[in-house]
Amino acid sequence: MDGTQSSNRVVRVSSAESTARSDADAKISRVKPLSWGTVRAELNEREGSGRSQTASHASSNGQKVGRRGESNDPLSASNGGSNHRPAKRPRTAETAAAQPSIRDHFQATSKDRIQLAEAPSETTNATLKEISIPRYFYLDRSTTSAKFLRDTRRRTRYETEIAWRDQHHILTLCTDMSSEEQIHVYNMQHQYPRASIPLLQSHLVLCIRAGNAQLARRTAYEFMNVDAAAFFQSLSAIILAEAVPNSQYPVIVWLLCATKKGFRVPYKMQEWVIGLVGALANAYFRDDTQTASPPSQSVTLVSTAIARLPNSKRDLIYSLQLCRQFQPLSAHRDMIDILTERWLHRMHTDPLDSAYSRAQYAVSNMALDNLHLGVETWDVTAVLPHCSSIVDLLRLHLTAKDQARWKDDQVLKEAIIAGCAVNKRPPISSLRAGAPKKEVKLSEEAEAVRNKYRKEIARLQARILKELLKKPEPELA
């Protein structure tokens, strides 16, 4: 009876140990630091200790059942009436110090993994939150400033989301003014057709480059009423190419993003935009990007160097890269990348903020009354080959001999563009203003075309302008 009971207990113990052994094998296969020989030796020692303890219980104590026939062992229900539980092998201080047990090893391994996951590195969760791009782009109409914020605890009356694809970021545009609030009533009788957008853009560039503030304001007024989104897209690039961005440049970028989503610019904000265009025409400095090459890698905005900048400077860097997304020309995107790196370098290496202070020009609101741009007030030199068919018309007026001489359209384009004004603003730099930009000399062939057909070019430019801006006659019913 005792021998049978003892043998049954031994069989049950070995099956339980085999289950524990298989579980240990699965765990050990995932953990390399603990060798298999150590595990096998410990399991054998536990099995031998369990067998010896079972034999001693069976020989020395015959009563292993409780008063009601139940086992005194709390594991008897699972062991089918068995009251045996393998005892742990006693471990000395030397053994514990030399090699941890299986359970201790797995616990220590899981703790190490948690500590590694929670260990502070260069970019912890708190640091990532600090250097990441803020979620909100807020326009404050009281201060006429646009700021990148991590939360909006202010009252907002307009809110929409845009996808910042270059940065894989969702940006929320918000402001304390509503769309269509106090919209300026434009006289539709004098509105330019949509086909005139390339000409309006060319004329705006020419007026700002030449410093003609009055014509620049009138052109901006007409352009903004034809297509506000196209106007802000052009203006955001013109500011960078012909002048320098000031601390309020993020406002233009905010309006660019919002008008792309259907936002209608309120009356007071239009007055500020017209005042900004006049200030651009009177700006003293520009940024020279023609002598630089674009960076080989894309600009990374998630960095400690940008996050540690003052808010106004950081917002300028963010706005430059956000504006890049809306520029259709690769030349403008390369220009923005160059300026982003250049301004980052200036902000970190110029302790006196000479370049940043030079870029701050005052902007005053300009009334929208009497800003209509008549055809007779245009500067016809803005009719250029990229926005009209003047090259084809000019070729028709060339003599047969001149047509054979100047077969290349590039010569004719160069002669036409030569009549435009040149940006003579000195380039801004970190320490000094620099020398004025040198005028590009014409080739001999282009100069010959210019000298011979100067009046014909001006006449064709005026003709194209009048034909394009002529309103079609209303159709009779």
Protein backbone atom coordinates (compact mmCIF):
# COMPACT_ATOMS: atom_id res chain seq x y z
CA MET A 1 0.00 0.00 0.00
CA ASP A 2 2.74 2.39 0.95
CA GLY A 3 4.87 1.32 -1.97
CA THR A 4 2.04 1.85 -4.45
CA GLN A 5 1.16 5.17 -2.97
CA SER A 6 4.77 6.18 -3.02
CA SER A 7 5.24 5.11 -6.64
CA ASN A 8 2.12 6.99 -7.72
CA ARG A 9 3.36 10.09 -6.00
CA VAL A 10 6.73 9.78 -7.72
CA VAL A 11 5.05 9.49 -11.13
CA ARG A 12 2.88 12.53 -10.49
CA VAL A 13 5.88 14.53 -9.29
CA SER A 14 7.90 13.67 -12.37
CA SER A 15 5.05 14.72 -14.71
CA ALA A 16 4.71 18.04 -12.89
CA GLU A 17 8.43 18.52 -13.09
CA SER A 18 8.41 17.71 -16.79
CA THR A 19 5.75 20.41 -17.32
CA ALA A 20 7.86 22.88 -15.36
CA ARG A 21 10.89 21.81 -17.35
CA SER A 22 9.14 22.45 -20.69
CA ASP A 23 8.00 25.89 -19.49
CA ALA A 24 11.52 26.64 -18.39
CA ASP A 25 12.85 25.52 -21.77
CA ALA A 26 10.53 27.95 -23.55
CA LYS A 27 11.58 30.81 -21.31
CA ILE A 28 15.27 29.98 -21.47
CA SER A 29 15.17 29.89 -25.27
CA ARG A 30 14.26 33.56 -25.18
CA VAL A 31 16.88 34.53 -22.62
CA LYS A 32 20.50 33.90 -23.61
CA PRO A 33 22.50 34.96 -20.53
CA LEU A 34 21.39 31.82 -18.53
CA SER A 35 23.11 28.65 -19.90
CA TRP A 36 21.25 25.37 -20.41
CA GLY A 37 23.73 23.41 -18.29
CA THR A 38 22.93 25.55 -15.26
CA VAL A 39 19.21 25.06 -15.77
CA ARG A 40 19.56 21.27 -16.21
CA ALA A 41 21.65 20.95 -13.05
CA GLU A 42 19.17 22.96 -11.02
CA LEU A 43 16.21 20.97 -12.31
CA ASN A 44 17.95 17.65 -11.51
CA GLU A 45 18.74 18.83 -8.05
CA ARG A 46 15.10 19.86 -7.53
CA GLU A 47 13.89 16.47 -8.83
CA GLY A 48 16.26 14.54 -6.58
CA SER A 49 15.24 16.60 -3.59
CA GLY A 50 11.57 15.94 -4.38
CA ARG A 51 12.09 12.16 -4.61
CA SER A 52 13.99 11.95 -1.32
CA GLN A 53 11.40 14.03 0.45
CA THR A 54 8.60 11.83 -0.93
CA ALA A 55 10.29 8.63 0.28
CA SER A 56 10.88 10.07 3.75
CA HIS A 57 7.21 11.11 4.03
CA ALA A 58 5.99 7.71 2.93
CA SER A 59 8.19 5.75 5.38
CA SER A 60 7.94 7.87 8.49
CA ASN A 61 4.33 9.05 8.42
CA GLY A 62 1.45 6.83 7.40
CA GLN A 63 -1.45 9.31 7.98
CA LYS A 64 -1.50 11.70 4.96
CA VAL A 65 -5.28 12.18 4.78
CA GLY A 66 -7.34 14.71 6.72
CA ARG A 67 -10.40 14.15 8.86
CA ARG A 68 -12.77 14.21 5.89
CA GLY A 69 -10.53 12.25 3.52
CA GLU A 70 -9.07 15.40 1.99
CA SER A 71 -5.44 16.13 1.59
CA ASN A 72 -3.75 18.55 3.92
CA ASP A 73 -1.80 19.89 0.93
CA PRO A 74 -3.48 22.87 -0.68
CA LEU A 75 -2.44 21.45 -4.09
CA SER A 76 -4.21 18.15 -3.53
CA ALA A 77 -7.19 19.12 -5.67
CA SER A 78 -5.03 19.64 -8.70
CA ASN A 79 -2.80 16.65 -7.94
CA GLY A 80 -5.65 14.14 -7.74
CA GLY A 81 -5.47 13.64 -3.98
CA SER A 82 -1.71 13.89 -3.74
CA ASN A 83 -0.34 15.90 -0.84
CA HIS A 84 3.19 16.27 -2.18
CA ARG A 85 4.74 19.62 -3.14
CA PRO A 86 8.39 19.62 -4.23
CA ALA A 87 10.47 21.55 -1.78
CA LYS A 88 12.85 24.18 -2.99
CA ARG A 89 16.52 23.29 -2.87
CA PRO A 90 18.27 25.17 -0.08
CA ARG A 91 20.67 27.69 -1.50
CA THR A 92 23.75 28.93 0.23
CA ALA A 93 25.10 32.43 -0.02
CA GLU A 94 27.87 31.26 -2.37
CA THR A 95 25.40 29.56 -4.72
CA ALA A 96 23.05 32.52 -4.78
CA ALA A 97 25.88 34.89 -5.51
CA ALA A 98 27.35 32.63 -8.20
CA GLN A 99 24.20 31.87 -10.19
CA PRO A 100 20.61 33.14 -9.74
CA SER A 101 17.68 30.75 -9.81
CA ILE A 102 15.42 30.44 -12.84
CA ARG A 103 12.63 32.49 -11.29
CA ASP A 104 15.05 35.12 -10.01
CA HIS A 105 16.68 35.26 -13.40
CA PHE A 106 13.42 35.83 -15.29
CA GLN A 107 12.32 38.47 -12.80
CA ALA A 108 15.66 40.21 -13.08
CA THR A 109 15.49 40.06 -16.88
CA SER A 110 12.03 41.63 -17.00
CA LYS A 111 13.14 44.36 -14.60
CA ASP A 112 16.15 45.10 -16.78
CA ARG A 113 13.94 45.40 -19.83
CA ILE A 114 11.63 47.83 -18.05
CA GLN A 115 14.58 49.86 -16.84
CA LEU A 116 16.02 49.98 -20.36
CA ALA A 117 12.68 51.13 -21.74
CA GLU A 118 12.32 53.77 -19.05
CA ALA A 119 15.99 54.79 -18.95
CA PRO A 120 16.46 58.48 -19.83
CA SER A 121 18.19 59.07 -23.17
CA GLU A 122 18.80 62.16 -25.29
CA THR A 123 15.17 62.14 -26.38
CA THR A 124 12.91 61.00 -23.57
CA ASN A 125 9.17 61.45 -23.75
CA ALA A 126 9.42 64.85 -22.07
CA THR A 127 12.22 65.91 -24.39
CA LEU A 128 10.39 64.69 -27.49
CA LYS A 129 7.37 66.72 -26.47
CA GLU A 130 9.52 69.81 -26.06
CA ILE A 131 11.28 69.52 -29.44
CA SER A 132 8.35 68.23 -31.49
CA ILE A 133 6.40 70.53 -33.81
CA PRO A 134 3.49 72.17 -31.97
CA ARG A 135 0.02 71.10 -32.94
CA TYR A 136 -1.67 74.52 -33.20
CA PHE A 137 -0.94 77.50 -35.47
CA TYR A 138 -2.76 80.44 -33.92
CA LEU A 139 -3.36 83.88 -35.45
CA ASP A 140 -3.99 86.66 -32.94
CA ARG A 141 -5.72 89.61 -34.58
CA SER A 142 -5.13 91.97 -31.64
CA THR A 143 -1.34 91.77 -32.07
CA THR A 144 -1.36 90.69 -35.76
CA SER A 145 0.96 87.80 -34.99
CA ALA A 146 0.87 84.07 -35.75
CA LYS A 147 2.33 81.62 -33.25
CA PHE A 148 2.90 77.88 -33.05
CA LEU A 149 1.37 76.64 -29.78
CA ARG A 150 1.13 73.26 -28.05
CA ASP A 151 -2.34 74.02 -26.68
CA THR A 152 -5.02 76.61 -27.28
CA ARG A 153 -6.49 77.98 -24.10
CA ARG A 154 -7.68 81.05 -25.92
CA ARG A 155 -11.03 81.72 -27.50
CA THR A 156 -11.13 80.61 -31.13
CA ARG A 157 -13.78 81.48 -33.71
CA TYR A 158 -12.27 79.68 -36.67
CA GLU A 159 -10.50 76.32 -36.71
CA THR A 160 -9.46 73.88 -39.41
CA GLU A 161 -6.81 71.24 -39.98
CA ILE A 162 -4.17 70.89 -42.69
CA ALA A 163 -1.75 68.08 -43.46
CA TRP A 164 1.89 69.13 -43.27
CA ARG A 165 3.10 66.43 -45.61
CA ASP A 166 6.79 67.32 -45.55
CA GLN A 167 6.89 66.85 -41.78
CA HIS A 168 4.21 64.11 -41.52
CA HIS A 169 2.29 66.32 -39.14
CA ILE A 170 -1.33 67.42 -38.72
CA LEU A 171 -1.51 71.15 -37.99
CA THR A 172 -4.58 72.90 -36.61
CA LEU A 173 -5.14 76.47 -37.83
CA CYS A 174 -7.10 78.61 -35.41
CA THR A 175 -7.79 82.29 -34.81
CA ASP A 176 -9.97 84.58 -32.75
CA MET A 177 -11.63 86.07 -35.84
CA SER A 178 -14.23 84.33 -37.93
CA SER A 179 -14.22 83.81 -41.66
CA GLU A 180 -16.24 86.33 -43.65
CA GLU A 181 -16.15 88.77 -40.72
CA GLN A 182 -16.45 92.33 -42.05
CA ILE A 183 -15.57 91.37 -45.60
CA HIS A 184 -14.54 94.25 -47.85
CA VAL A 185 -17.13 94.92 -50.57
CA TYR A 186 -15.17 94.96 -53.80
CA ASN A 187 -16.43 96.75 -56.88
CA MET A 188 -16.95 93.81 -59.23
CA GLN A 189 -17.15 96.15 -62.20
CA HIS A 190 -13.39 96.68 -62.11
CA GLN A 191 -12.38 93.13 -61.22
CA TYR A 192 -9.59 91.59 -63.28
CA PRO A 193 -10.23 88.20 -64.96
CA ARG A 194 -8.59 85.04 -63.59
CA ALA A 195 -6.48 84.81 -66.74
CA SER A 196 -4.62 87.92 -65.53
CA ILE A 197 -3.17 86.20 -62.44
CA PRO A 198 0.27 85.55 -64.05
CA LEU A 199 0.46 89.18 -65.14
CA LEU A 200 -0.60 90.46 -61.71
CA GLN A 201 2.04 88.29 -60.10
CA SER A 202 4.73 89.53 -62.48
CA HIS A 203 3.68 93.14 -61.91
CA LEU A 204 3.74 92.70 -58.11
CA VAL A 205 7.27 91.31 -58.25
CA LEU A 206 8.43 94.15 -60.47
CA CYS A 207 6.90 96.87 -58.27
CA ILE A 208 8.41 95.48 -55.04
CA ARG A 209 11.78 95.00 -56.74
CA ALA A 210 11.79 98.54 -58.08
CA GLY A 211 10.61 100.03 -54.77
CA ASN A 212 7.37 101.44 -56.19
CA ALA A 213 5.19 101.16 -53.07
CA GLN A 214 2.10 102.80 -54.56
CA LEU A 215 1.87 100.50 -57.58
CA ALA A 216 2.72 97.51 -55.39
CA ARG A 217 -0.21 98.23 -53.05
CA ARG A 218 -2.64 98.66 -55.95
CA THR A 219 -1.47 95.44 -57.59
CA ALA A 220 -1.75 93.51 -54.34
CA TYR A 221 -5.27 94.84 -53.83
CA GLU A 222 -6.41 93.65 -57.28
CA PHE A 223 -4.55 90.35 -57.02
CA MET A 224 -6.04 89.54 -53.59
CA ASN A 225 -9.58 90.15 -54.83
CA VAL A 226 -9.14 87.91 -57.88
CA ASP A 227 -7.75 84.90 -55.96
CA ALA A 228 -6.67 85.29 -52.34
CA ALA A 229 -5.01 81.85 -52.13
CA ALA A 230 -2.91 82.47 -55.26
CA PHE A 231 -2.01 85.94 -53.96
CA PHE A 232 -0.67 84.71 -50.60
CA GLN A 233 1.14 81.86 -52.30
CA SER A 234 2.94 84.36 -54.53
CA LEU A 235 3.49 86.94 -51.79
CA SER A 236 5.09 84.40 -49.42
CA ALA A 237 7.73 83.64 -52.08
CA ILE A 238 8.18 87.26 -53.21
CA ILE A 239 9.04 88.33 -49.65
CA LEU A 240 11.89 85.81 -49.56
CA ALA A 241 13.17 86.47 -53.07
CA GLU A 242 13.01 90.28 -53.20
CA ALA A 243 13.35 91.35 -49.55
CA VAL A 244 13.69 89.66 -46.15
CA PRO A 245 11.08 88.10 -43.85
CA ASN A 246 10.31 89.93 -40.63
CA SER A 247 8.81 88.60 -37.39
CA GLN A 248 5.30 88.89 -38.89
CA TYR A 249 6.06 86.63 -41.82
CA PRO A 250 4.19 83.74 -40.08
CA VAL A 251 0.96 85.76 -40.50
CA ILE A 252 1.33 85.57 -44.30
CA VAL A 253 1.94 81.83 -44.08
CA TRP A 254 -1.10 81.40 -41.82
CA LEU A 255 -3.28 83.31 -44.32
CA LEU A 256 -1.84 81.20 -47.14
CA CYS A 257 -2.85 77.98 -45.35
CA ALA A 258 -6.27 79.31 -44.34
CA THR A 259 -7.23 80.68 -47.76
CA LYS A 260 -6.33 77.31 -49.27
CA LYS A 261 -9.05 75.93 -46.97
CA GLY A 262 -11.60 78.56 -48.01
CA PHE A 263 -11.00 81.22 -45.34
CA ARG A 264 -12.09 84.73 -46.37
CA VAL A 265 -9.79 87.46 -45.10
CA PRO A 266 -11.58 90.09 -42.98
CA TYR A 267 -11.50 93.76 -43.84
CA LYS A 268 -8.99 94.82 -41.16
CA MET A 269 -6.61 92.01 -42.05
CA GLN A 270 -6.71 93.07 -45.71
CA GLU A 271 -5.70 96.56 -44.68
CA TRP A 272 -2.71 95.13 -42.81
CA VAL A 273 -1.68 92.99 -45.81
CA ILE A 274 -1.75 96.02 -48.13
CA GLY A 275 0.38 97.90 -45.60
CA LEU A 276 2.85 95.00 -45.52
CA VAL A 277 3.23 95.08 -49.31
CA GLY A 278 4.05 98.79 -49.15
CA ALA A 279 6.63 98.12 -46.41
CA LEU A 280 8.22 95.42 -48.57
CA ALA A 281 8.64 97.84 -51.45
CA ASN A 282 10.42 100.22 -49.07
CA ALA A 283 12.59 97.51 -47.47
CA TYR A 284 16.32 98.20 -47.26
CA PHE A 285 17.78 94.71 -47.52
CA ARG A 286 17.35 91.44 -49.37
CA ASP A 287 18.70 87.91 -49.04
CA ASP A 288 20.94 86.65 -51.81
CA THR A 289 20.18 82.98 -52.57
CA GLN A 290 21.50 82.78 -56.12
CA THR A 291 25.09 82.16 -55.02
CA ALA A 292 24.21 79.29 -52.66
CA SER A 293 23.31 75.68 -53.38
CA PRO A 294 20.41 73.92 -51.66
CA PRO A 295 21.24 71.55 -48.78
CA SER A 296 21.76 67.90 -49.65
CA GLN A 297 19.36 66.74 -46.94
CA SER A 298 15.92 67.98 -46.03
CA VAL A 299 15.67 70.33 -43.08
CA THR A 300 14.74 68.59 -39.82
CA LEU A 301 12.45 70.65 -37.61
CA VAL A 302 12.36 68.18 -34.71
CA SER A 303 15.62 69.19 -33.08
CA THR A 304 16.86 70.71 -29.87
CA ALA A 305 18.58 73.54 -31.76
CA ILE A 306 15.23 74.83 -33.05
CA ALA A 307 13.26 74.14 -29.86
CA ARG A 308 15.66 76.25 -27.77
CA LEU A 309 15.23 79.32 -29.95
CA PRO A 310 13.04 82.18 -28.73
CA ASN A 311 9.44 81.78 -29.79
CA SER A 312 9.48 84.47 -32.49
CA LYS A 313 12.59 83.03 -34.14
CA ARG A 314 11.36 79.46 -33.83
CA ASP A 315 8.04 80.45 -35.43
CA LEU A 316 9.91 82.02 -38.34
CA ILE A 317 11.78 78.75 -39.01
CA TYR A 318 8.57 76.73 -38.82
CA SER A 319 6.81 79.17 -41.16
CA LEU A 320 9.55 78.98 -43.76
CA GLN A 321 9.24 75.21 -44.03
CA LEU A 322 5.45 75.30 -43.93
CA CYS A 323 5.46 77.80 -46.81
CA ARG A 324 7.68 75.41 -48.77
CA GLN A 325 4.85 72.89 -49.05
CA PHE A 326 2.68 75.30 -51.07
CA GLN A 327 5.31 76.40 -53.60
CA PRO A 328 4.83 74.72 -57.00
CA LEU A 329 8.27 75.67 -58.37
CA SER A 330 11.30 73.63 -57.34
CA ALA A 331 13.43 76.80 -57.49
CA HIS A 332 11.30 78.38 -54.76
CA ARG A 333 11.47 75.23 -52.61
CA ASP A 334 15.27 75.17 -52.92
CA MET A 335 15.38 78.87 -52.04
CA ILE A 336 13.36 78.22 -48.86
CA ASP A 337 15.68 75.38 -47.81
CA ILE A 338 18.69 77.66 -48.30
CA LEU A 339 17.11 80.46 -46.28
CA THR A 340 16.05 78.09 -43.50
CA GLU A 341 19.60 76.88 -42.96
CA ARG A 342 20.97 80.40 -43.33
CA TRP A 343 18.61 81.87 -40.74
CA LEU A 344 19.29 79.01 -38.34
CA HIS A 345 23.00 79.69 -38.66
CA ARG A 346 22.50 83.42 -38.06
CA MET A 347 20.32 82.86 -35.01
CA HIS A 348 22.92 80.63 -33.37
CA THR A 349 26.11 82.46 -34.36
CA ASP A 350 25.09 86.12 -34.21
CA PRO A 351 24.92 87.12 -30.53
CA LEU A 352 23.95 90.70 -31.37
CA ASP A 353 21.07 89.68 -33.65
CA SER A 354 22.31 92.06 -36.34
CA ALA A 355 20.62 90.25 -39.24
CA TYR A 356 17.40 89.59 -37.34
CA SER A 357 17.13 93.21 -36.23
CA ARG A 358 17.77 94.44 -39.77
CA ALA A 359 14.81 92.35 -40.97
CA GLN A 360 12.32 94.08 -38.66
CA TYR A 361 10.41 96.68 -40.65
CA ALA A 362 7.27 98.41 -39.41
CA VAL A 363 3.89 97.63 -40.98
CA SER A 364 0.94 100.03 -40.84
CA ASN A 365 -2.61 99.39 -41.98
CA MET A 366 -3.51 100.94 -45.32
CA ALA A 367 -7.06 101.97 -46.19
CA LEU A 368 -8.62 100.07 -49.08
CA ASP A 369 -10.18 103.13 -50.67
CA ASN A 370 -9.06 104.28 -54.14
CA LEU A 371 -6.72 101.33 -54.71
CA HIS A 372 -8.04 100.30 -58.11
CA LEU A 373 -5.26 99.59 -60.62
CA GLY A 374 -6.12 101.04 -64.00
CA VAL A 375 -4.61 99.63 -67.18
CA GLU A 376 -3.02 102.98 -67.94
CA THR A 377 -1.05 102.89 -64.68
CA TRP A 378 0.63 99.54 -65.36
CA ASP A 379 4.35 99.19 -65.87
CA VAL A 380 4.31 97.36 -69.20
CA THR A 381 7.78 95.91 -68.63
CA ALA A 382 6.05 93.39 -66.34
CA VAL A 383 4.69 91.64 -69.46
CA LEU A 384 7.43 89.01 -69.62
CA PRO A 385 7.88 85.80 -71.65
CA HIS A 386 6.90 83.50 -68.76
CA CYS A 387 3.42 85.05 -68.46
CA SER A 388 2.57 86.03 -72.05
CA SER A 389 3.15 85.21 -75.71
CA ILE A 390 5.33 88.24 -76.39
CA VAL A 391 8.20 86.18 -77.85
CA ASP A 392 6.00 84.78 -80.62
CA LEU A 393 4.58 88.21 -81.38
CA LEU A 394 8.01 89.79 -81.46
CA ARG A 395 9.28 87.14 -83.89
CA LEU A 396 6.46 88.02 -86.29
CA HIS A 397 7.73 91.62 -86.38
CA LEU A 398 11.33 90.70 -87.11
CA THR A 399 12.68 91.13 -90.59
CA ALA A 400 13.55 88.05 -92.62
CA LYS A 401 17.24 88.71 -92.10
CA ASP A 402 16.81 89.12 -88.32
CA GLN A 403 14.68 85.97 -88.10
CA ALA A 404 17.50 83.99 -89.69
CA ARG A 405 20.03 85.65 -87.39
CA TRP A 406 18.13 85.16 -84.13
CA LYS A 407 16.61 81.72 -84.42
CA ASP A 408 17.03 81.01 -80.72
CA ASP A 409 14.15 82.24 -78.55
CA GLN A 410 16.53 82.58 -75.61
CA VAL A 411 18.10 85.65 -77.20
CA LEU A 412 14.70 87.30 -77.58
CA LYS A 413 13.72 86.42 -73.99
CA GLU A 414 16.93 87.92 -72.69
CA ALA A 415 16.33 91.13 -74.62
CA ILE A 416 12.77 91.45 -73.25
CA ILE A 417 13.73 90.71 -69.63
CA ALA A 418 16.51 93.30 -69.84
CA GLY A 419 13.91 96.04 -69.67
CA CYS A 420 12.86 95.07 -66.14
CA ALA A 421 14.11 96.75 -63.02
CA VAL A 422 16.96 95.16 -61.05
CA ASN A 423 16.88 94.58 -57.31
CA LYS A 424 19.55 96.95 -56.03
CA ARG A 425 19.01 96.30 -52.32
CA PRO A 426 22.18 95.24 -50.51
CA PRO A 427 22.15 91.66 -49.21
CA ILE A 428 21.65 91.20 -45.50
CA SER A 429 24.32 89.25 -43.61
CA SER A 430 25.13 88.30 -40.04
CA LEU A 431 27.58 91.16 -39.46
CA ARG A 432 27.50 93.62 -42.35
CA ALA A 433 25.16 94.69 -45.11
CA GLY A 434 27.44 93.66 -47.96
CA ALA A 435 27.86 95.05 -51.44
CA PRO A 436 25.01 95.82 -53.83
CA LYS A 437 24.09 93.20 -56.37
CA LYS A 438 25.92 93.59 -59.66
CA GLU A 439 23.83 94.01 -62.77
CA VAL A 440 23.95 91.11 -65.20
CA LYS A 441 25.42 92.15 -68.53
CA LEU A 442 23.56 91.32 -71.72
CA SER A 443 25.08 89.25 -74.43
CA GLU A 444 25.96 91.01 -77.64
CA GLU A 445 23.10 89.43 -79.57
CA ALA A 446 20.51 90.26 -76.89
CA GLU A 447 21.79 93.82 -76.68
CA ALA A 448 21.48 94.15 -80.45
CA VAL A 449 17.85 92.97 -80.31
CA ARG A 450 17.15 95.36 -77.46
CA ASN A 451 18.60 98.35 -79.22
CA LYS A 452 16.84 97.68 -82.53
CA TYR A 453 13.41 96.62 -81.28
CA ARG A 454 13.08 98.53 -78.03
CA LYS A 455 10.00 100.51 -79.11
CA GLU A 456 8.39 97.50 -80.76
CA ILE A 457 8.78 95.46 -77.56
CA ALA A 458 7.12 98.20 -75.48
CA ARG A 459 4.27 98.51 -77.98
CA LEU A 460 3.67 94.75 -77.97
CA GLN A 461 3.69 94.64 -74.20
CA ALA A 462 1.03 97.34 -73.98
CA ARG A 463 -1.04 95.57 -76.62
CA ILE A 464 -0.94 92.25 -74.77
CA LEU A 465 -1.91 93.96 -71.54
CA LYS A 466 -4.95 95.69 -73.01
CA GLU A 467 -6.19 92.59 -74.81
CA LEU A 468 -5.83 90.39 -71.75
CA LEU A 469 -7.55 92.78 -69.38
CA LYS A 470 -10.36 93.69 -71.78
CA LYS A 471 -13.69 92.55 -70.35
CA PRO A 472 -15.76 90.41 -72.72
CA GLU A 473 -18.98 91.81 -74.05
CA PRO A 474 -22.13 90.46 -72.35
CA GLU A 475 -23.98 87.88 -74.41
CA LEU A 476 -27.41 88.84 -75.70
CA ALA A 477 -30.32 86.66 -74.67
